[in-house]
């Protein structure tokens, strides 16, 4: 069961991803500053959120999943 705080944080991650998806997902420094997460952790968490969010349309979901997978792969 997701808490209100969890939903708000998930929404913040989605908003960040929407702003930065055309530029590869955002700078590592900004991810760390805004969320306190290493980029790989951020994109793994975002991947989980996007995979479970049925409210996203197919095009947006596909785009965000592609960015997440690329950044996770690059971060390994």
PDB file of N, CA and C in Angstrom:
ATOM      1  N   UNK A   1       0.837  -1.180   0.000  1.00  0.00           N
ATOM      2  CA  UNK A   1       0.000   0.000   0.000  1.00  0.00           C
ATOM      3  C   UNK A   1       0.884   1.245   0.000  1.00  0.00           C
ATOM      4  N   UNK A   2       0.625   2.132  -0.922  1.00  0.00           N
ATOM      5  CA  UNK A   2       1.430   3.325  -1.079  1.00  0.00           C
ATOM      6  C   UNK A   2       0.915   4.445  -0.179  1.00  0.00           C
ATOM      7  N   UNK A   3       1.841   5.153   0.473  1.00  0.00           N
ATOM      8  CA  UNK A   3       1.465   6.262   1.344  1.00  0.00           C
ATOM      9  C   UNK A   3       1.329   7.540   0.526  1.00  0.00           C
ATOM     10  N   UNK A   4       0.727   8.542   1.140  1.00  0.00           N
ATOM     11  CA  UNK A   4       0.611   9.846   0.479  1.00  0.00           C
ATOM     12  C   UNK A   4       1.995  10.403   0.181  1.00  0.00           C
ATOM     13  N   UNK A   5       2.914  10.264   1.125  1.00  0.00           N
ATOM     14  CA  UNK A   5       4.283  10.737   0.921  1.00  0.00           C
ATOM     15  C   UNK A   5       4.932  10.012  -0.243  1.00  0.00           C
ATOM     16  N   UNK A   6       4.709   8.710  -0.337  1.00  0.00           N
ATOM     17  CA  UNK A   6       5.251   7.933  -1.443  1.00  0.00           C
ATOM     18  C   UNK A   6       4.695   8.373  -2.785  1.00  0.00           C
ATOM     19  N   UNK A   7       3.405   8.659  -2.832  1.00  0.00           N
ATOM     20  CA  UNK A   7       2.787   9.128  -4.085  1.00  0.00           C
ATOM     21  C   UNK A   7       3.350  10.474  -4.499  1.00  0.00           C
ATOM     22  N   UNK A   8       3.532  11.363  -3.516  1.00  0.00           N
ATOM     23  CA  UNK A   8       4.083  12.693  -3.815  1.00  0.00           C
ATOM     24  C   UNK A   8       5.508  12.564  -4.348  1.00  0.00           C
ATOM     25  N   UNK A   9       6.308  11.720  -3.705  1.00  0.00           N
ATOM     26  CA  UNK A   9       7.687  11.520  -4.159  1.00  0.00           C
ATOM     27  C   UNK A   9       7.717  10.887  -5.552  1.00  0.00           C
ATOM     28  N   UNK A  10       6.859   9.919  -5.800  1.00  0.00           N
ATOM     29  CA  UNK A  10       6.778   9.319  -7.132  1.00  0.00           C
ATOM     30  C   UNK A  10       6.398  10.354  -8.170  1.00  0.00           C
ATOM     31  N   UNK A  11       5.477  11.243  -7.828  1.00  0.00           N
ATOM     32  CA  UNK A  11       5.060  12.297  -8.749  1.00  0.00           C
ATOM     33  C   UNK A  11       6.222  13.246  -9.043  1.00  0.00           C
ATOM     34  N   UNK A  12       7.008  13.549  -8.016  1.00  0.00           N
ATOM     35  CA  UNK A  12       8.195  14.407  -8.217  1.00  0.00           C
ATOM     36  C   UNK A  12       9.188  13.756  -9.176  1.00  0.00           C
ATOM     37  N   UNK A  13       9.415  12.464  -9.021  1.00  0.00           N
ATOM     38  CA  UNK A  13      10.321  11.757  -9.923  1.00  0.00           C
ATOM     39  C   UNK A  13       9.792  11.782 -11.355  1.00  0.00           C
ATOM     40  N   UNK A  14       8.500  11.543 -11.513  1.00  0.00           N
ATOM     41  CA  UNK A  14       7.899  11.583 -12.855  1.00  0.00           C
ATOM     42  C   UNK A  14       8.001  12.971 -13.474  1.00  0.00           C
ATOM     43  N   UNK A  15       7.734  13.997 -12.692  1.00  0.00           N
ATOM     44  CA  UNK A  15       7.822  15.369 -13.211  1.00  0.00           C
ATOM     45  C   UNK A  15       9.243  15.694 -13.661  1.00  0.00           C
ATOM     46  N   UNK A  16      10.221  15.294 -12.862  1.00  0.00           N
ATOM     47  CA  UNK A  16      11.623  15.502 -13.234  1.00  0.00           C
ATOM     48  C   UNK A  16      11.928  14.780 -14.539  1.00  0.00           C
ATOM     49  N   UNK A  17      11.511  13.534 -14.638  1.00  0.00           N
ATOM     50  CA  UNK A  17      11.767  12.736 -15.845  1.00  0.00           C
ATOM     51  C   UNK A  17      11.104  13.352 -17.069  1.00  0.00           C
ATOM     52  N   UNK A  18       9.908  13.866 -16.907  1.00  0.00           N
ATOM     53  CA  UNK A  18       9.216  14.509 -18.029  1.00  0.00           C
ATOM     54  C   UNK A  18       9.956  15.754 -18.500  1.00  0.00           C
ATOM     55  N   UNK A  19      10.513  16.506 -17.560  1.00  0.00           N
ATOM     56  CA  UNK A  19      11.259  17.716 -17.928  1.00  0.00           C
ATOM     57  C   UNK A  19      12.545  17.385 -18.674  1.00  0.00           C
ATOM     58  N   UNK A  20      13.195  16.294 -18.305  1.00  0.00           N
ATOM     59  CA  UNK A  20      14.534  16.003 -18.800  1.00  0.00           C
ATOM     60  C   UNK A  20      14.617  14.869 -19.820  1.00  0.00           C
ATOM     61  N   UNK A  21      13.518  14.203 -20.157  1.00  0.00           N
ATOM     62  CA  UNK A  21      13.634  13.005 -20.996  1.00  0.00           C
ATOM     63  C   UNK A  21      14.252  13.273 -22.362  1.00  0.00           C
ATOM     64  N   UNK A  22      14.011  14.450 -22.933  1.00  0.00           N
ATOM     65  CA  UNK A  22      14.580  14.750 -24.253  1.00  0.00           C
ATOM     66  C   UNK A  22      16.092  14.944 -24.207  1.00  0.00           C
ATOM     67  N   UNK A  23      16.622  15.196 -23.011  1.00  0.00           N
ATOM     68  CA  UNK A  23      18.061  15.406 -22.840  1.00  0.00           C
ATOM     69  C   UNK A  23      18.714  14.239 -22.105  1.00  0.00           C
ATOM     70  N   UNK A  24      18.119  13.077 -22.186  1.00  0.00           N
ATOM     71  CA  UNK A  24      18.732  11.884 -21.631  1.00  0.00           C
ATOM     72  C   UNK A  24      18.416  11.592 -20.173  1.00  0.00           C
ATOM     73  N   UNK A  25      17.534  12.364 -19.571  1.00  0.00           N
ATOM     74  CA  UNK A  25      17.103  12.052 -18.218  1.00  0.00           C
ATOM     75  C   UNK A  25      17.563  12.999 -17.138  1.00  0.00           C
ATOM     76  N   UNK A  26      18.448  13.916 -17.448  1.00  0.00           N
ATOM     77  CA  UNK A  26      18.885  14.894 -16.463  1.00  0.00           C
ATOM     78  C   UNK A  26      20.286  14.643 -15.957  1.00  0.00           C
ATOM     79  N   UNK A  27      20.937  15.723 -15.515  1.00  0.00           N
ATOM     80  CA  UNK A  27      22.309  15.608 -15.016  1.00  0.00           C
ATOM     81  C   UNK A  27      22.377  14.863 -13.681  1.00  0.00           C
ATOM     82  N   UNK A  28      23.422  14.074 -13.525  1.00  0.00           N
ATOM     83  CA  UNK A  28      23.623  13.308 -12.290  1.00  0.00           C
ATOM     84  C   UNK A  28      23.648  14.225 -11.069  1.00  0.00           C
ATOM     85  N   UNK A  29      24.280  15.387 -11.205  1.00  0.00           N
ATOM     86  CA  UNK A  29      24.387  16.311 -10.080  1.00  0.00           C
ATOM     87  C   UNK A  29      23.016  16.816  -9.640  1.00  0.00           C
ATOM     88  N   UNK A  30      22.155  17.098 -10.604  1.00  0.00           N
ATOM     89  CA  UNK A  30      20.814  17.588 -10.270  1.00  0.00           C
ATOM     90  C   UNK A  30      19.957  16.486  -9.636  1.00  0.00           C
ATOM     91  N   UNK A  31      20.112  15.267 -10.112  1.00  0.00           N
ATOM     92  CA  UNK A  31      19.393  14.129  -9.518  1.00  0.00           C
ATOM     93  C   UNK A  31      19.823  13.960  -8.066  1.00  0.00           C
ATOM     94  N   UNK A  32      21.121  14.024  -7.816  1.00  0.00           N
ATOM     95  CA  UNK A  32      21.629  13.872  -6.458  1.00  0.00           C
ATOM     96  C   UNK A  32      21.151  15.019  -5.568  1.00  0.00           C
ATOM     97  N   UNK A  33      21.201  16.235  -6.063  1.00  0.00           N
ATOM     98  CA  UNK A  33      20.781  17.397  -5.285  1.00  0.00           C
ATOM     99  C   UNK A  33      19.297  17.362  -4.974  1.00  0.00           C
ATOM    100  N   UNK A  34      18.478  17.070  -5.976  1.00  0.00           N
ATOM    101  CA  UNK A  34      17.027  17.129  -5.803  1.00  0.00           C
ATOM    102  C   UNK A  34      16.449  15.926  -5.059  1.00  0.00           C
ATOM    103  N   UNK A  35      17.038  14.749  -5.266  1.00  0.00           N
ATOM    104  CA  UNK A  35      16.445  13.525  -4.718  1.00  0.00           C
ATOM    105  C   UNK A  35      17.342  12.772  -3.737  1.00  0.00           C
ATOM    106  N   UNK A  36      18.618  13.148  -3.669  1.00  0.00           N
ATOM    107  CA  UNK A  36      19.536  12.450  -2.787  1.00  0.00           C
ATOM    108  C   UNK A  36      19.816  11.030  -3.235  1.00  0.00           C
ATOM    109  N   UNK A  37      19.706  10.791  -4.533  1.00  0.00           N
ATOM    110  CA  UNK A  37      19.904   9.455  -5.096  1.00  0.00           C
ATOM    111  C   UNK A  37      20.995   9.483  -6.159  1.00  0.00           C
ATOM    112  N   UNK A  38      21.764   8.414  -6.213  1.00  0.00           N
ATOM    113  CA  UNK A  38      22.670   8.227  -7.341  1.00  0.00           C
ATOM    114  C   UNK A  38      21.803   8.013  -8.584  1.00  0.00           C
ATOM    115  N   UNK A  39      22.282   8.411  -9.751  1.00  0.00           N
ATOM    116  CA  UNK A  39      21.470   8.262 -10.958  1.00  0.00           C
ATOM    117  C   UNK A  39      20.941   6.855 -11.202  1.00  0.00           C
ATOM    118  N   UNK A  40      21.764   5.832 -10.990  1.00  0.00           N
ATOM    119  CA  UNK A  40      21.299   4.461 -11.223  1.00  0.00           C
ATOM    120  C   UNK A  40      20.130   4.122 -10.304  1.00  0.00           C
ATOM    121  N   UNK A  41      20.214   4.538  -9.047  1.00  0.00           N
ATOM    122  CA  UNK A  41      19.111   4.304  -8.100  1.00  0.00           C
ATOM    123  C   UNK A  41      17.867   5.077  -8.507  1.00  0.00           C
ATOM    124  N   UNK A  42      18.054   6.325  -8.925  1.00  0.00           N
ATOM    125  CA  UNK A  42      16.932   7.153  -9.377  1.00  0.00           C
ATOM    126  C   UNK A  42      16.218   6.484 -10.548  1.00  0.00           C
ATOM    127  N   UNK A  43      16.986   6.055 -11.552  1.00  0.00           N
ATOM    128  CA  UNK A  43      16.362   5.489 -12.746  1.00  0.00           C
ATOM    129  C   UNK A  43      15.791   4.098 -12.499  1.00  0.00           C
ATOM    130  N   UNK A  44      16.335   3.350 -11.561  1.00  0.00           N
ATOM    131  CA  UNK A  44      15.720   2.067 -11.202  1.00  0.00           C
ATOM    132  C   UNK A  44      14.373   2.320 -10.522  1.00  0.00           C
ATOM    133  N   UNK A  45      14.349   3.281  -9.639  1.00  0.00           N
ATOM    134  CA  UNK A  45      13.083   3.622  -8.958  1.00  0.00           C
ATOM    135  C   UNK A  45      12.058   4.157  -9.962  1.00  0.00           C
ATOM    136  N   UNK A  46      12.512   5.030 -10.860  1.00  0.00           N
ATOM    137  CA  UNK A  46      11.620   5.564 -11.891  1.00  0.00           C
ATOM    138  C   UNK A  46      11.107   4.448 -12.798  1.00  0.00           C
ATOM    139  N   UNK A  47      11.961   3.506 -13.146  1.00  0.00           N
ATOM    140  CA  UNK A  47      11.549   2.366 -13.966  1.00  0.00           C
ATOM    141  C   UNK A  47      10.418   1.597 -13.281  1.00  0.00           C
ATOM    142  N   UNK A  48      10.548   1.379 -11.983  1.00  0.00           N
ATOM    143  CA  UNK A  48       9.499   0.689 -11.230  1.00  0.00           C
ATOM    144  C   UNK A  48       8.193   1.483 -11.239  1.00  0.00           C
ATOM    145  N   UNK A  49       8.293   2.801 -11.063  1.00  0.00           N
ATOM    146  CA  UNK A  49       7.101   3.663 -11.050  1.00  0.00           C
ATOM    147  C   UNK A  49       6.407   3.648 -12.408  1.00  0.00           C
ATOM    148  N   UNK A  50       7.185   3.854 -13.455  1.00  0.00           N
ATOM    149  CA  UNK A  50       6.619   3.916 -14.815  1.00  0.00           C
ATOM    150  C   UNK A  50       6.014   2.568 -15.206  1.00  0.00           C
ATOM    151  N   UNK A  51       6.668   1.488 -14.849  1.00  0.00           N
ATOM    152  CA  UNK A  51       6.163   0.156 -15.177  1.00  0.00           C
ATOM    153  C   UNK A  51       4.817  -0.123 -14.525  1.00  0.00           C
ATOM    154  N   UNK A  52       4.602   0.448 -13.345  1.00  0.00           N
ATOM    155  CA  UNK A  52       3.374   0.188 -12.593  1.00  0.00           C
ATOM    156  C   UNK A  52       2.273   1.226 -12.815  1.00  0.00           C
ATOM    157  N   UNK A  53       2.587   2.333 -13.490  1.00  0.00           N
ATOM    158  CA  UNK A  53       1.625   3.437 -13.625  1.00  0.00           C
ATOM    159  C   UNK A  53       0.786   3.273 -14.885  1.00  0.00           C
ATOM    160  N   UNK A  54      -0.431   2.794 -14.714  1.00  0.00           N
ATOM    161  CA  UNK A  54      -1.330   2.593 -15.855  1.00  0.00           C
ATOM    162  C   UNK A  54      -1.943   3.885 -16.365  1.00  0.00           C
ATOM    163  N   UNK A  55      -1.730   4.988 -15.652  1.00  0.00           N
ATOM    164  CA  UNK A  55      -2.289   6.271 -16.078  1.00  0.00           C
ATOM    165  C   UNK A  55      -1.464   6.908 -17.200  1.00  0.00           C
ATOM    166  N   UNK A  56      -0.230   6.463 -17.382  1.00  0.00           N
ATOM    167  CA  UNK A  56       0.612   7.016 -18.450  1.00  0.00           C
ATOM    168  C   UNK A  56       0.158   6.471 -19.797  1.00  0.00           C
ATOM    169  N   UNK A  57       0.163   7.337 -20.800  1.00  0.00           N
ATOM    170  CA  UNK A  57      -0.173   6.815 -22.129  1.00  0.00           C
ATOM    171  C   UNK A  57       1.016   6.021 -22.670  1.00  0.00           C
ATOM    172  N   UNK A  58       0.759   5.211 -23.663  1.00  0.00           N
ATOM    173  CA  UNK A  58       1.759   4.282 -24.180  1.00  0.00           C
ATOM    174  C   UNK A  58       3.019   4.993 -24.672  1.00  0.00           C
ATOM    175  N   UNK A  59       2.861   6.103 -25.375  1.00  0.00           N
ATOM    176  CA  UNK A  59       4.024   6.815 -25.915  1.00  0.00           C
ATOM    177  C   UNK A  59       4.907   7.351 -24.789  1.00  0.00           C
ATOM    178  N   UNK A  60       4.289   7.950 -23.775  1.00  0.00           N
ATOM    179  CA  UNK A  60       5.067   8.492 -22.665  1.00  0.00           C
ATOM    180  C   UNK A  60       5.742   7.369 -21.882  1.00  0.00           C
ATOM    181  N   UNK A  61       5.005   6.308 -21.634  1.00  0.00           N
ATOM    182  CA  UNK A  61       5.565   5.163 -20.907  1.00  0.00           C
ATOM    183  C   UNK A  61       6.760   4.604 -21.671  1.00  0.00           C
ATOM    184  N   UNK A  62       6.614   4.400 -22.962  1.00  0.00           N
ATOM    185  CA  UNK A  62       7.693   3.847 -23.784  1.00  0.00           C
ATOM    186  C   UNK A  62       8.924   4.740 -23.747  1.00  0.00           C
ATOM    187  N   UNK A  63       8.712   6.040 -23.879  1.00  0.00           N
ATOM    188  CA  UNK A  63       9.823   6.995 -23.861  1.00  0.00           C
ATOM    189  C   UNK A  63      10.552   6.972 -22.524  1.00  0.00           C
ATOM    190  N   UNK A  64       9.798   7.030 -21.425  1.00  0.00           N
ATOM    191  CA  UNK A  64      10.415   7.054 -20.104  1.00  0.00           C
ATOM    192  C   UNK A  64      11.117   5.730 -19.795  1.00  0.00           C
ATOM    193  N   UNK A  65      10.534   4.617 -20.196  1.00  0.00           N
ATOM    194  CA  UNK A  65      11.190   3.323 -19.991  1.00  0.00           C
ATOM    195  C   UNK A  65      12.504   3.249 -20.759  1.00  0.00           C
ATOM    196  N   UNK A  66      12.516   3.778 -21.956  1.00  0.00           N
ATOM    197  CA  UNK A  66      13.734   3.774 -22.774  1.00  0.00           C
ATOM    198  C   UNK A  66      14.840   4.585 -22.093  1.00  0.00           C
ATOM    199  N   UNK A  67      14.490   5.777 -21.589  1.00  0.00           N
ATOM    200  CA  UNK A  67      15.470   6.617 -20.893  1.00  0.00           C
ATOM    201  C   UNK A  67      15.995   5.892 -19.655  1.00  0.00           C
ATOM    202  N   UNK A  68      15.097   5.310 -18.865  1.00  0.00           N
ATOM    203  CA  UNK A  68      15.500   4.593 -17.651  1.00  0.00           C
ATOM    204  C   UNK A  68      16.461   3.461 -17.972  1.00  0.00           C
ATOM    205  N   UNK A  69      16.090   2.645 -18.919  1.00  0.00           N
ATOM    206  CA  UNK A  69      16.930   1.486 -19.256  1.00  0.00           C
ATOM    207  C   UNK A  69      18.302   1.913 -19.761  1.00  0.00           C
ATOM    208  N   UNK A  70      18.341   2.978 -20.556  1.00  0.00           N
ATOM    209  CA  UNK A  70      19.616   3.465 -21.077  1.00  0.00           C
ATOM    210  C   UNK A  70      20.507   3.972 -19.939  1.00  0.00           C
ATOM    211  N   UNK A  71      19.919   4.755 -19.031  1.00  0.00           N
ATOM    212  CA  UNK A  71      20.715   5.314 -17.935  1.00  0.00           C
ATOM    213  C   UNK A  71      21.166   4.238 -16.956  1.00  0.00           C
ATOM    214  N   UNK A  72      20.323   3.244 -16.715  1.00  0.00           N
ATOM    215  CA  UNK A  72      20.722   2.138 -15.840  1.00  0.00           C
ATOM    216  C   UNK A  72      21.870   1.358 -16.482  1.00  0.00           C
ATOM    217  N   UNK A  73      21.758   1.105 -17.769  1.00  0.00           N
ATOM    218  CA  UNK A  73      22.804   0.373 -18.486  1.00  0.00           C
ATOM    219  C   UNK A  73      24.123   1.149 -18.477  1.00  0.00           C
ATOM    220  N   UNK A  74      24.053   2.439 -18.734  1.00  0.00           N
ATOM    221  CA  UNK A  74      25.250   3.280 -18.764  1.00  0.00           C
ATOM    222  C   UNK A  74      25.887   3.359 -17.374  1.00  0.00           C
ATOM    223  N   UNK A  75      25.061   3.330 -16.328  1.00  0.00           N
ATOM    224  CA  UNK A  75      25.554   3.454 -14.973  1.00  0.00           C
ATOM    225  C   UNK A  75      26.224   2.214 -14.414  1.00  0.00           C
ATOM    226  N   UNK A  76      26.117   1.088 -15.116  1.00  0.00           N
ATOM    227  CA  UNK A  76      26.696  -0.165 -14.600  1.00  0.00           C
ATOM    228  C   UNK A  76      28.158  -0.267 -14.911  1.00  0.00           C
TER     229      UNK A  76
END
